[in-house]
Amino acid sequence: MSAPFFEYGLFGAGFSLVVALIVGIAFGWCLERSGMGSARKLMGQFYLTDLTVFKVMFSAMITAMLGIFWLGWLGFLDVARIYVPETYILPQLVGGVIFGVGFATAGLCPGTSCVSAVTGRGDGVAAVLGMLSGVLIAGVFFGLITSAVPYAMARGTRDFSSTMQLVAGRYDVLCDPQSAERARDMLARLKI
């Protein structure tokens, strides 16, 4: 968001956070002013009765594409340095289904639910609390699941990945050559 200023040292990490805060507040204000904090307006896109969301999103995409093009053409932005993540179809499909179900259930997506919650709407507060609870539950159970599944697949037999600790057979001590004799004496006193 703050590239290339941050990367080229034109401002530091602290100012980068200030810029992020200002941009985030401006984005939230724009969402609220366009009505995107309202679950009814957002659900209107699914019923094809209110196409404001489509208009706002496609306008934002076109603006971003033109901005990237012209900033790259003017030499202000190195387009080759923009990171585009790899595409993993199955995880993205699963994530899209989960996102869509949550969106249709709450009537809000994550960003608009935060806007809705900040403006005091109960549905937004409930959606934010639901998201935070889901993240907490997933975080707690992810480790359990990623441990239990391989254990079950190995039918309970122990292997290296299920070993809880690794004990060294020997230890080496590195020191300056002039301190080697003193180090040997100290180790001899410890009876290691």
Foldseek 3Di string as FASTA:
>chain_A
DPPPCDVVPVDHPVVVVVVVVVVLVVVLVVCVVLPQLDLVLLVCVVVVNHCSVVVVVVVVVVVVVVVLVVCVVVVNDVPVPDDDDDDDPVVVVVVVVVQVVLCNVLSHGLSSLVSNVVVPHPSSVVSNVVVVVVVVVCVVCVVVVVVVVVCVVVVNDDDPVNDPDDDDPDDDDDDDPVCVVVVVVVCVVVVD
